[in-house]
Amino acid sequence: MIDRIEASANALWLTPNADGLMRLGFADDGRELVGPVTHITWLVTSGKVKLGTPFMIVHGEQEDLTLRSPFAGRIQAVNTALAAHPERLNNRNDDLDWMIDLVDE
């Protein structure tokens, strides 16, 4: 299992949204590390997170990757549809492969 903050940071894309939200999604580097995604495990879905807090494990055919929060904040929303459709992480589509919305606090 890959469990390095550097690998996690490279595996995420970040997009600022309205009202100070940051949307985090699964980036191409993450797809290259894990291979086709088979399932996900949510570690945190609400509340405050610190820098480096693990929030999800992406399980792939090649490897598992623990994703960590790139900054401290509060989880505003999670993409609960990913549990039923983890294959959405296999292709870049910002509307489908986003994971969490964080508010910087």
PDB file of N, CA and C in Angstrom:
ATOM      1  N   MET A   1       0.839  -1.182   0.000  1.00  0.00           N
ATOM      2  CA  MET A   1       0.000   0.000   0.000  1.00  0.00           C
ATOM      3  C   MET A   1       0.884   1.245   0.000  1.00  0.00           C
ATOM      4  N   ILE A   2       0.598   2.166  -0.880  1.00  0.00           N
ATOM      5  CA  ILE A   2       1.319   3.428  -0.920  1.00  0.00           C
ATOM      6  C   ILE A   2       0.714   4.341   0.139  1.00  0.00           C
ATOM      7  N   ASP A   3       1.531   4.800   1.070  1.00  0.00           N
ATOM      8  CA  ASP A   3       1.031   5.658   2.145  1.00  0.00           C
ATOM      9  C   ASP A   3       2.027   6.781   2.403  1.00  0.00           C
ATOM     10  N   ARG A   4       2.272   7.569   1.358  1.00  0.00           N
ATOM     11  CA  ARG A   4       3.195   8.701   1.479  1.00  0.00           C
ATOM     12  C   ARG A   4       2.435   9.979   1.164  1.00  0.00           C
ATOM     13  N   ILE A   5       2.692  11.016   1.939  1.00  0.00           N
ATOM     14  CA  ILE A   5       2.021  12.288   1.702  1.00  0.00           C
ATOM     15  C   ILE A   5       2.344  12.814   0.310  1.00  0.00           C
ATOM     16  N   GLU A   6       3.587  12.641  -0.141  1.00  0.00           N
ATOM     17  CA  GLU A   6       3.965  13.145  -1.459  1.00  0.00           C
ATOM     18  C   GLU A   6       3.158  12.465  -2.557  1.00  0.00           C
ATOM     19  N   ALA A   7       2.990  11.148  -2.462  1.00  0.00           N
ATOM     20  CA  ALA A   7       2.215  10.417  -3.468  1.00  0.00           C
ATOM     21  C   ALA A   7       0.767  10.869  -3.432  1.00  0.00           C
ATOM     22  N   SER A   8       0.250  11.086  -2.235  1.00  0.00           N
ATOM     23  CA  SER A   8      -1.129  11.539  -2.094  1.00  0.00           C
ATOM     24  C   SER A   8      -1.316  12.912  -2.736  1.00  0.00           C
ATOM     25  N   ALA A   9      -0.402  13.829  -2.484  1.00  0.00           N
ATOM     26  CA  ALA A   9      -0.516  15.180  -3.040  1.00  0.00           C
ATOM     27  C   ALA A   9      -0.492  15.148  -4.564  1.00  0.00           C
ATOM     28  N   ASN A  10       0.349  14.321  -5.145  1.00  0.00           N
ATOM     29  CA  ASN A  10       0.427  14.210  -6.598  1.00  0.00           C
ATOM     30  C   ASN A  10      -0.810  13.559  -7.190  1.00  0.00           C
ATOM     31  N   ALA A  11      -1.540  12.791  -6.391  1.00  0.00           N
ATOM     32  CA  ALA A  11      -2.701  12.059  -6.874  1.00  0.00           C
ATOM     33  C   ALA A  11      -3.984  12.882  -6.818  1.00  0.00           C
ATOM     34  N   LEU A  12      -3.885  14.131  -6.368  1.00  0.00           N
ATOM     35  CA  LEU A  12      -5.074  14.966  -6.211  1.00  0.00           C
ATOM     36  C   LEU A  12      -5.045  16.169  -7.141  1.00  0.00           C
ATOM     37  N   TRP A  13      -6.218  16.545  -7.636  1.00  0.00           N
ATOM     38  CA  TRP A  13      -6.370  17.860  -8.243  1.00  0.00           C
ATOM     39  C   TRP A  13      -7.210  18.700  -7.289  1.00  0.00           C
ATOM     40  N   LEU A  14      -6.974  20.006  -7.310  1.00  0.00           N
ATOM     41  CA  LEU A  14      -7.688  20.935  -6.432  1.00  0.00           C
ATOM     42  C   LEU A  14      -8.280  22.051  -7.280  1.00  0.00           C
ATOM     43  N   THR A  15      -9.533  22.362  -7.038  1.00  0.00           N
ATOM     44  CA  THR A  15     -10.195  23.448  -7.740  1.00  0.00           C
ATOM     45  C   THR A  15     -10.941  24.302  -6.736  1.00  0.00           C
ATOM     46  N   PRO A  16     -10.633  25.608  -6.691  1.00  0.00           N
ATOM     47  CA  PRO A  16     -11.392  26.484  -5.786  1.00  0.00           C
ATOM     48  C   PRO A  16     -12.794  26.716  -6.326  1.00  0.00           C
ATOM     49  N   ASN A  17     -13.770  26.643  -5.416  1.00  0.00           N
ATOM     50  CA  ASN A  17     -15.168  26.912  -5.759  1.00  0.00           C
ATOM     51  C   ASN A  17     -15.625  28.164  -5.028  1.00  0.00           C
ATOM     52  N   ALA A  18     -16.858  28.501  -5.177  1.00  0.00           N
ATOM     53  CA  ALA A  18     -17.429  29.665  -4.494  1.00  0.00           C
ATOM     54  C   ALA A  18     -17.359  29.490  -2.988  1.00  0.00           C
ATOM     55  N   ASP A  19     -17.404  30.600  -2.283  1.00  0.00           N
ATOM     56  CA  ASP A  19     -17.479  30.598  -0.817  1.00  0.00           C
ATOM     57  C   ASP A  19     -16.283  29.951  -0.136  1.00  0.00           C
ATOM     58  N   GLY A  20     -15.109  29.987  -0.754  1.00  0.00           N
ATOM     59  CA  GLY A  20     -13.907  29.472  -0.109  1.00  0.00           C
ATOM     60  C   GLY A  20     -13.776  27.963  -0.094  1.00  0.00           C
ATOM     61  N   LEU A  21     -14.576  27.269  -0.874  1.00  0.00           N
ATOM     62  CA  LEU A  21     -14.481  25.810  -0.947  1.00  0.00           C
ATOM     63  C   LEU A  21     -13.350  25.396  -1.879  1.00  0.00           C
ATOM     64  N   MET A  22     -12.710  24.295  -1.537  1.00  0.00           N
ATOM     65  CA  MET A  22     -11.732  23.660  -2.416  1.00  0.00           C
ATOM     66  C   MET A  22     -12.246  22.268  -2.724  1.00  0.00           C
ATOM     67  N   ARG A  23     -12.426  21.978  -3.986  1.00  0.00           N
ATOM     68  CA  ARG A  23     -12.861  20.641  -4.407  1.00  0.00           C
ATOM     69  C   ARG A  23     -11.630  19.815  -4.718  1.00  0.00           C
ATOM     70  N   LEU A  24     -11.571  18.593  -4.166  1.00  0.00           N
ATOM     71  CA  LEU A  24     -10.463  17.675  -4.396  1.00  0.00           C
ATOM     72  C   LEU A  24     -10.955  16.503  -5.225  1.00  0.00           C
ATOM     73  N   GLY A  25     -10.152  16.122  -6.203  1.00  0.00           N
ATOM     74  CA  GLY A  25     -10.488  14.988  -7.048  1.00  0.00           C
ATOM     75  C   GLY A  25      -9.260  14.137  -7.315  1.00  0.00           C
ATOM     76  N   PHE A  26      -9.468  13.050  -8.037  1.00  0.00           N
ATOM     77  CA  PHE A  26      -8.423  12.082  -8.320  1.00  0.00           C
ATOM     78  C   PHE A  26      -7.719  12.459  -9.617  1.00  0.00           C
ATOM     79  N   ALA A  27      -6.415  12.692  -9.543  1.00  0.00           N
ATOM     80  CA  ALA A  27      -5.628  13.158 -10.684  1.00  0.00           C
ATOM     81  C   ALA A  27      -5.008  11.999 -11.461  1.00  0.00           C
ATOM     82  N   ASP A  28      -4.486  12.322 -12.628  1.00  0.00           N
ATOM     83  CA  ASP A  28      -3.870  11.316 -13.497  1.00  0.00           C
ATOM     84  C   ASP A  28      -2.720  10.582 -12.816  1.00  0.00           C
ATOM     85  N   ASP A  29      -1.924  11.286 -12.000  1.00  0.00           N
ATOM     86  CA  ASP A  29      -0.824  10.611 -11.302  1.00  0.00           C
ATOM     87  C   ASP A  29      -1.337   9.500 -10.390  1.00  0.00           C
ATOM     88  N   GLY A  30      -2.479   9.719  -9.769  1.00  0.00           N
ATOM     89  CA  GLY A  30      -3.078   8.683  -8.922  1.00  0.00           C
ATOM     90  C   GLY A  30      -3.513   7.480  -9.732  1.00  0.00           C
ATOM     91  N   ARG A  31      -4.100   7.742 -10.891  1.00  0.00           N
ATOM     92  CA  ARG A  31      -4.532   6.643 -11.765  1.00  0.00           C
ATOM     93  C   ARG A  31      -3.336   5.805 -12.213  1.00  0.00           C
ATOM     94  N   GLU A  32      -2.215   6.477 -12.508  1.00  0.00           N
ATOM     95  CA  GLU A  32      -1.017   5.745 -12.920  1.00  0.00           C
ATOM     96  C   GLU A  32      -0.475   4.880 -11.783  1.00  0.00           C
ATOM     97  N   LEU A  33      -0.558   5.374 -10.550  1.00  0.00           N
ATOM     98  CA  LEU A  33      -0.048   4.614  -9.403  1.00  0.00           C
ATOM     99  C   LEU A  33      -0.862   3.363  -9.097  1.00  0.00           C
ATOM    100  N   VAL A  34      -2.189   3.491  -9.133  1.00  0.00           N
ATOM    101  CA  VAL A  34      -3.031   2.383  -8.667  1.00  0.00           C
ATOM    102  C   VAL A  34      -3.536   1.478  -9.785  1.00  0.00           C
ATOM    103  N   GLY A  35      -3.519   1.961 -11.017  1.00  0.00           N
ATOM    104  CA  GLY A  35      -4.119   1.189 -12.101  1.00  0.00           C
ATOM    105  C   GLY A  35      -5.631   1.331 -12.026  1.00  0.00           C
ATOM    106  N   PRO A  36      -6.362   0.485 -12.740  1.00  0.00           N
ATOM    107  CA  PRO A  36      -7.813   0.585 -12.699  1.00  0.00           C
ATOM    108  C   PRO A  36      -8.339   0.462 -11.257  1.00  0.00           C
ATOM    109  N   VAL A  37      -9.208   1.387 -10.883  1.00  0.00           N
ATOM    110  CA  VAL A  37      -9.757   1.412  -9.531  1.00  0.00           C
ATOM    111  C   VAL A  37     -10.801   0.313  -9.381  1.00  0.00           C
ATOM    112  N   THR A  38     -10.672  -0.451  -8.291  1.00  0.00           N
ATOM    113  CA  THR A  38     -11.629  -1.533  -8.029  1.00  0.00           C
ATOM    114  C   THR A  38     -12.662  -1.142  -6.979  1.00  0.00           C
ATOM    115  N   HIS A  39     -12.238  -0.396  -5.963  1.00  0.00           N
ATOM    116  CA  HIS A  39     -13.166   0.117  -4.960  1.00  0.00           C
ATOM    117  C   HIS A  39     -12.465   1.175  -4.120  1.00  0.00           C
ATOM    118  N   ILE A  40     -13.252   1.841  -3.275  1.00  0.00           N
ATOM    119  CA  ILE A  40     -12.703   2.867  -2.393  1.00  0.00           C
ATOM    120  C   ILE A  40     -13.145   2.578  -0.965  1.00  0.00           C
ATOM    121  N   THR A  41     -12.396   3.136  -0.020  1.00  0.00           N
ATOM    122  CA  THR A  41     -12.760   3.077   1.390  1.00  0.00           C
ATOM    123  C   THR A  41     -12.696   4.492   1.940  1.00  0.00           C
ATOM    124  N   TRP A  42     -13.841   5.013   2.395  1.00  0.00           N
ATOM    125  CA  TRP A  42     -13.853   6.326   3.035  1.00  0.00           C
ATOM    126  C   TRP A  42     -13.303   6.185   4.443  1.00  0.00           C
ATOM    127  N   LEU A  43     -12.383   7.045   4.828  1.00  0.00           N
ATOM    128  CA  LEU A  43     -11.833   7.051   6.179  1.00  0.00           C
ATOM    129  C   LEU A  43     -12.434   8.186   7.013  1.00  0.00           C
ATOM    130  N   VAL A  44     -12.761   9.293   6.355  1.00  0.00           N
ATOM    131  CA  VAL A  44     -13.387  10.452   7.000  1.00  0.00           C
ATOM    132  C   VAL A  44     -14.389  11.032   6.012  1.00  0.00           C
ATOM    133  N   THR A  45     -15.601  11.324   6.477  1.00  0.00           N
ATOM    134  CA  THR A  45     -16.606  11.896   5.583  1.00  0.00           C
ATOM    135  C   THR A  45     -17.234  13.178   6.120  1.00  0.00           C
ATOM    136  N   SER A  46     -16.817  13.593   7.311  1.00  0.00           N
ATOM    137  CA  SER A  46     -17.375  14.825   7.867  1.00  0.00           C
ATOM    138  C   SER A  46     -16.435  15.376   8.931  1.00  0.00           C
ATOM    139  N   GLY A  47     -16.694  16.627   9.310  1.00  0.00           N
ATOM    140  CA  GLY A  47     -15.937  17.249  10.385  1.00  0.00           C
ATOM    141  C   GLY A  47     -14.660  17.910   9.921  1.00  0.00           C
ATOM    142  N   LYS A  48     -13.847  18.253  10.900  1.00  0.00           N
ATOM    143  CA  LYS A  48     -12.578  18.931  10.634  1.00  0.00           C
ATOM    144  C   LYS A  48     -11.480  17.916  10.343  1.00  0.00           C
ATOM    145  N   VAL A  49     -10.566  18.323   9.473  1.00  0.00           N
ATOM    146  CA  VAL A  49      -9.392  17.513   9.166  1.00  0.00           C
ATOM    147  C   VAL A  49      -8.156  18.385   9.312  1.00  0.00           C
ATOM    148  N   LYS A  50      -7.066  17.763   9.674  1.00  0.00           N
ATOM    149  CA  LYS A  50      -5.780  18.446   9.767  1.00  0.00           C
ATOM    150  C   LYS A  50      -4.984  18.159   8.493  1.00  0.00           C
ATOM    151  N   LEU A  51      -3.957  18.938   8.272  1.00  0.00           N
ATOM    152  CA  LEU A  51      -3.040  18.655   7.180  1.00  0.00           C
ATOM    153  C   LEU A  51      -2.536  17.227   7.318  1.00  0.00           C
ATOM    154  N   GLY A  52      -2.671  16.445   6.267  1.00  0.00           N
ATOM    155  CA  GLY A  52      -2.177  15.078   6.266  1.00  0.00           C
ATOM    156  C   GLY A  52      -3.148  14.037   6.792  1.00  0.00           C
ATOM    157  N   THR A  53      -4.359  14.446   7.186  1.00  0.00           N
ATOM    158  CA  THR A  53      -5.348  13.480   7.668  1.00  0.00           C
ATOM    159  C   THR A  53      -5.760  12.550   6.532  1.00  0.00           C
ATOM    160  N   PRO A  54      -5.650  11.232   6.707  1.00  0.00           N
ATOM    161  CA  PRO A  54      -6.124  10.306   5.675  1.00  0.00           C
ATOM    162  C   PRO A  54      -7.645  10.391   5.555  1.00  0.00           C
ATOM    163  N   PHE A  55      -8.147  10.554   4.321  1.00  0.00           N
ATOM    164  CA  PHE A  55      -9.597  10.627   4.153  1.00  0.00           C
ATOM    165  C   PHE A  55     -10.159   9.532   3.258  1.00  0.00           C
ATOM    166  N   MET A  56      -9.327   8.883   2.464  1.00  0.00           N
ATOM    167  CA  MET A  56      -9.819   7.830   1.572  1.00  0.00           C
ATOM    168  C   MET A  56      -8.676   6.904   1.181  1.00  0.00           C
ATOM    169  N   ILE A  57      -9.022   5.634   0.970  1.00  0.00           N
ATOM    170  CA  ILE A  57      -8.087   4.686   0.353  1.00  0.00           C
ATOM    171  C   ILE A  57      -8.678   4.316  -1.000  1.00  0.00           C
ATOM    172  N   VAL A  58      -7.894   4.511  -2.046  1.00  0.00           N
ATOM    173  CA  VAL A  58      -8.286   4.096  -3.391  1.00  0.00           C
ATOM    174  C   VAL A  58      -7.613   2.759  -3.649  1.00  0.00           C
ATOM    175  N   HIS A  59      -8.426   1.749  -3.869  1.00  0.00           N
ATOM    176  CA  HIS A  59      -7.925   0.393  -4.125  1.00  0.00           C
ATOM    177  C   HIS A  59      -7.921   0.166  -5.639  1.00  0.00           C
ATOM    178  N   GLY A  60      -6.748  -0.159  -6.157  1.00  0.00           N
ATOM    179  CA  GLY A  60      -6.622  -0.394  -7.584  1.00  0.00           C
ATOM    180  C   GLY A  60      -6.088  -1.786  -7.869  1.00  0.00           C
ATOM    181  N   GLU A  61      -6.061  -2.144  -9.135  1.00  0.00           N
ATOM    182  CA  GLU A  61      -5.551  -3.460  -9.533  1.00  0.00           C
ATOM    183  C   GLU A  61      -4.062  -3.601  -9.260  1.00  0.00           C
ATOM    184  N   GLN A  62      -3.309  -2.474  -9.299  1.00  0.00           N
ATOM    185  CA  GLN A  62      -1.866  -2.522  -9.085  1.00  0.00           C
ATOM    186  C   GLN A  62      -1.465  -2.214  -7.653  1.00  0.00           C
ATOM    187  N   GLU A  63      -2.199  -1.333  -6.992  1.00  0.00           N
ATOM    188  CA  GLU A  63      -1.773  -0.810  -5.698  1.00  0.00           C
ATOM    189  C   GLU A  63      -2.949  -0.161  -5.000  1.00  0.00           C
ATOM    190  N   ASP A  64      -2.824   0.039  -3.693  1.00  0.00           N
ATOM    191  CA  ASP A  64      -3.767   0.828  -2.909  1.00  0.00           C
ATOM    192  C   ASP A  64      -3.071   2.132  -2.538  1.00  0.00           C
ATOM    193  N   LEU A  65      -3.820   3.223  -2.525  1.00  0.00           N
ATOM    194  CA  LEU A  65      -3.252   4.525  -2.233  1.00  0.00           C
ATOM    195  C   LEU A  65      -4.095   5.230  -1.179  1.00  0.00           C
ATOM    196  N   THR A  66      -3.457   5.606  -0.069  1.00  0.00           N
ATOM    197  CA  THR A  66      -4.121   6.382   0.971  1.00  0.00           C
ATOM    198  C   THR A  66      -4.016   7.851   0.616  1.00  0.00           C
ATOM    199  N   LEU A  67      -5.171   8.506   0.453  1.00  0.00           N
ATOM    200  CA  LEU A  67      -5.196   9.928   0.132  1.00  0.00           C
ATOM    201  C   LEU A  67      -5.325  10.731   1.416  1.00  0.00           C
ATOM    202  N   ARG A  68      -4.556  11.823   1.492  1.00  0.00           N
ATOM    203  CA  ARG A  68      -4.498  12.658   2.693  1.00  0.00           C
ATOM    204  C   ARG A  68      -4.884  14.091   2.354  1.00  0.00           C
ATOM    205  N   SER A  69      -5.480  14.748   3.328  1.00  0.00           N
ATOM    206  CA  SER A  69      -5.885  16.144   3.137  1.00  0.00           C
ATOM    207  C   SER A  69      -4.657  17.016   2.890  1.00  0.00           C
ATOM    208  N   PRO A  70      -4.665  17.818   1.823  1.00  0.00           N
ATOM    209  CA  PRO A  70      -3.515  18.678   1.519  1.00  0.00           C
ATOM    210  C   PRO A  70      -3.474  19.952   2.363  1.00  0.00           C
ATOM    211  N   PHE A  71      -4.501  20.201   3.159  1.00  0.00           N
ATOM    212  CA  PHE A  71      -4.521  21.338   4.078  1.00  0.00           C
ATOM    213  C   PHE A  71      -5.570  21.084   5.160  1.00  0.00           C
ATOM    214  N   ALA A  72      -5.510  21.876   6.213  1.00  0.00           N
ATOM    215  CA  ALA A  72      -6.484  21.763   7.299  1.00  0.00           C
ATOM    216  C   ALA A  72      -7.769  22.455   6.885  1.00  0.00           C
ATOM    217  N   GLY A  73      -8.881  21.918   7.332  1.00  0.00           N
ATOM    218  CA  GLY A  73     -10.163  22.520   7.018  1.00  0.00           C
ATOM    219  C   GLY A  73     -11.308  21.676   7.524  1.00  0.00           C
ATOM    220  N   ARG A  74     -12.483  21.987   7.032  1.00  0.00           N
ATOM    221  CA  ARG A  74     -13.690  21.253   7.406  1.00  0.00           C
ATOM    222  C   ARG A  74     -14.308  20.663   6.145  1.00  0.00           C
ATOM    223  N   ILE A  75     -14.701  19.404   6.218  1.00  0.00           N
ATOM    224  CA  ILE A  75     -15.337  18.752   5.073  1.00  0.00           C
ATOM    225  C   ILE A  75     -16.749  19.314   4.927  1.00  0.00           C
ATOM    226  N   GLN A  76     -17.014  19.895   3.770  1.00  0.00           N
ATOM    227  CA  GLN A  76     -18.319  20.470   3.466  1.00  0.00           C
ATOM    228  C   GLN A  76     -19.223  19.440   2.781  1.00  0.00           C
ATOM    229  N   ALA A  77     -18.630  18.620   1.897  1.00  0.00           N
ATOM    230  CA  ALA A  77     -19.407  17.628   1.147  1.00  0.00           C
ATOM    231  C   ALA A  77     -18.478  16.513   0.687  1.00  0.00           C
ATOM    232  N   VAL A  78     -19.055  15.326   0.502  1.00  0.00           N
ATOM    233  CA  VAL A  78     -18.328  14.200  -0.082  1.00  0.00           C
ATOM    234  C   VAL A  78     -19.135  13.666  -1.262  1.00  0.00           C
ATOM    235  N   ASN A  79     -18.448  13.078  -2.199  1.00  0.00           N
ATOM    236  CA  ASN A  79     -19.089  12.483  -3.362  1.00  0.00           C
ATOM    237  C   ASN A  79     -19.444  11.038  -3.010  1.00  0.00           C
ATOM    238  N   THR A  80     -20.587  10.869  -2.377  1.00  0.00           N
ATOM    239  CA  THR A  80     -21.003   9.543  -1.905  1.00  0.00           C
ATOM    240  C   THR A  80     -21.244   8.565  -3.050  1.00  0.00           C
ATOM    241  N   ALA A  81     -21.471   9.055  -4.254  1.00  0.00           N
ATOM    242  CA  ALA A  81     -21.706   8.180  -5.404  1.00  0.00           C
ATOM    243  C   ALA A  81     -20.480   7.337  -5.742  1.00  0.00           C
ATOM    244  N   LEU A  82     -19.293   7.759  -5.282  1.00  0.00           N
ATOM    245  CA  LEU A  82     -18.076   6.997  -5.598  1.00  0.00           C
ATOM    246  C   LEU A  82     -18.071   5.613  -4.964  1.00  0.00           C
ATOM    247  N   ALA A  83     -18.733   5.452  -3.835  1.00  0.00           N
ATOM    248  CA  ALA A  83     -18.773   4.129  -3.200  1.00  0.00           C
ATOM    249  C   ALA A  83     -19.456   3.114  -4.116  1.00  0.00           C
ATOM    250  N   ALA A  84     -20.526   3.532  -4.771  1.00  0.00           N
ATOM    251  CA  ALA A  84     -21.254   2.642  -5.680  1.00  0.00           C
ATOM    252  C   ALA A  84     -20.632   2.597  -7.071  1.00  0.00           C
ATOM    253  N   HIS A  85     -19.887   3.653  -7.421  1.00  0.00           N
ATOM    254  CA  HIS A  85     -19.304   3.751  -8.766  1.00  0.00           C
ATOM    255  C   HIS A  85     -17.835   4.153  -8.701  1.00  0.00           C
ATOM    256  N   PRO A  86     -16.969   3.337  -8.094  1.00  0.00           N
ATOM    257  CA  PRO A  86     -15.546   3.696  -7.998  1.00  0.00           C
ATOM    258  C   PRO A  86     -14.868   3.792  -9.360  1.00  0.00           C
ATOM    259  N   GLU A  87     -15.436   3.168 -10.371  1.00  0.00           N
ATOM    260  CA  GLU A  87     -14.852   3.218 -11.718  1.00  0.00           C
ATOM    261  C   GLU A  87     -14.833   4.644 -12.272  1.00  0.00           C
ATOM    262  N   ARG A  88     -15.594   5.539 -11.691  1.00  0.00           N
ATOM    263  CA  ARG A  88     -15.573   6.938 -12.125  1.00  0.00           C
ATOM    264  C   ARG A  88     -14.196   7.571 -11.909  1.00  0.00           C
ATOM    265  N   LEU A  89     -13.409   6.998 -11.011  1.00  0.00           N
ATOM    266  CA  LEU A  89     -12.065   7.518 -10.762  1.00  0.00           C
ATOM    267  C   LEU A  89     -11.076   7.125 -11.858  1.00  0.00           C
ATOM    268  N   ASN A  90     -11.471   6.233 -12.743  1.00  0.00           N
ATOM    269  CA  ASN A  90     -10.565   5.764 -13.797  1.00  0.00           C
ATOM    270  C   ASN A  90     -10.384   6.768 -14.933  1.00  0.00           C
ATOM    271  N   ASN A  91     -11.259   7.754 -15.039  1.00  0.00           N
ATOM    272  CA  ASN A  91     -11.190   8.738 -16.115  1.00  0.00           C
ATOM    273  C   ASN A  91     -11.378  10.133 -15.550  1.00  0.00           C
ATOM    274  N   ARG A  92     -10.698  11.089 -16.126  1.00  0.00           N
ATOM    275  CA  ARG A  92     -10.808  12.477 -15.669  1.00  0.00           C
ATOM    276  C   ARG A  92     -12.150  13.056 -16.111  1.00  0.00           C
ATOM    277  N   ASN A  93     -12.977  13.372 -15.139  1.00  0.00           N
ATOM    278  CA  ASN A  93     -14.232  14.065 -15.362  1.00  0.00           C
ATOM    279  C   ASN A  93     -14.538  14.784 -14.056  1.00  0.00           C
ATOM    280  N   ASP A  94     -14.249  16.075 -14.006  1.00  0.00           N
ATOM    281  CA  ASP A  94     -14.349  16.825 -12.755  1.00  0.00           C
ATOM    282  C   ASP A  94     -15.728  16.764 -12.124  1.00  0.00           C
ATOM    283  N   ASP A  95     -16.760  16.537 -12.912  1.00  0.00           N
ATOM    284  CA  ASP A  95     -18.107  16.430 -12.360  1.00  0.00           C
ATOM    285  C   ASP A  95     -18.364  15.080 -11.705  1.00  0.00           C
ATOM    286  N   LEU A  96     -17.596  14.052 -12.075  1.00  0.00           N
ATOM    287  CA  LEU A  96     -17.826  12.708 -11.556  1.00  0.00           C
ATOM    288  C   LEU A  96     -16.726  12.200 -10.631  1.00  0.00           C
ATOM    289  N   ASP A  97     -15.464  12.614 -10.856  1.00  0.00           N
ATOM    290  CA  ASP A  97     -14.368  12.028 -10.083  1.00  0.00           C
ATOM    291  C   ASP A  97     -13.914  12.882  -8.905  1.00  0.00           C
ATOM    292  N   TRP A  98     -14.697  13.903  -8.535  1.00  0.00           N
ATOM    293  CA  TRP A  98     -14.349  14.681  -7.344  1.00  0.00           C
ATOM    294  C   TRP A  98     -14.621  13.830  -6.110  1.00  0.00           C
ATOM    295  N   MET A  99     -13.899  14.131  -5.042  1.00  0.00           N
ATOM    296  CA  MET A  99     -14.014  13.333  -3.819  1.00  0.00           C
ATOM    297  C   MET A  99     -14.637  14.110  -2.673  1.00  0.00           C
ATOM    298  N   ILE A 100     -13.996  15.228  -2.325  1.00  0.00           N
ATOM    299  CA  ILE A 100     -14.504  16.018  -1.202  1.00  0.00           C
ATOM    300  C   ILE A 100     -14.400  17.511  -1.489  1.00  0.00           C
ATOM    301  N   ASP A 101     -15.266  18.257  -0.832  1.00  0.00           N
ATOM    302  CA  ASP A 101     -15.166  19.714  -0.788  1.00  0.00           C
ATOM    303  C   ASP A 101     -14.701  20.092   0.600  1.00  0.00           C
ATOM    304  N   LEU A 102     -13.611  20.846   0.674  1.00  0.00           N
ATOM    305  CA  LEU A 102     -13.073  21.317   1.947  1.00  0.00           C
ATOM    306  C   LEU A 102     -13.185  22.822   2.041  1.00  0.00           C
ATOM    307  N   VAL A 103     -13.497  23.293   3.247  1.00  0.00           N
ATOM    308  CA  VAL A 103     -13.482  24.722   3.546  1.00  0.00           C
ATOM    309  C   VAL A 103     -12.263  24.976   4.395  1.00  0.00           C
ATOM    310  N   ASP A 104     -11.420  25.902   3.960  1.00  0.00           N
ATOM    311  CA  ASP A 104     -10.229  26.265   4.700  1.00  0.00           C
ATOM    312  C   ASP A 104     -10.637  26.996   5.985  1.00  0.00           C
ATOM    313  N   GLU A 105     -10.149  26.520   7.114  1.00  0.00           N
ATOM    314  CA  GLU A 105     -10.481  27.175   8.392  1.00  0.00           C
ATOM    315  C   GLU A 105      -9.247  27.578   9.137  1.00  0.00           C
TER     316      GLU A 105
END
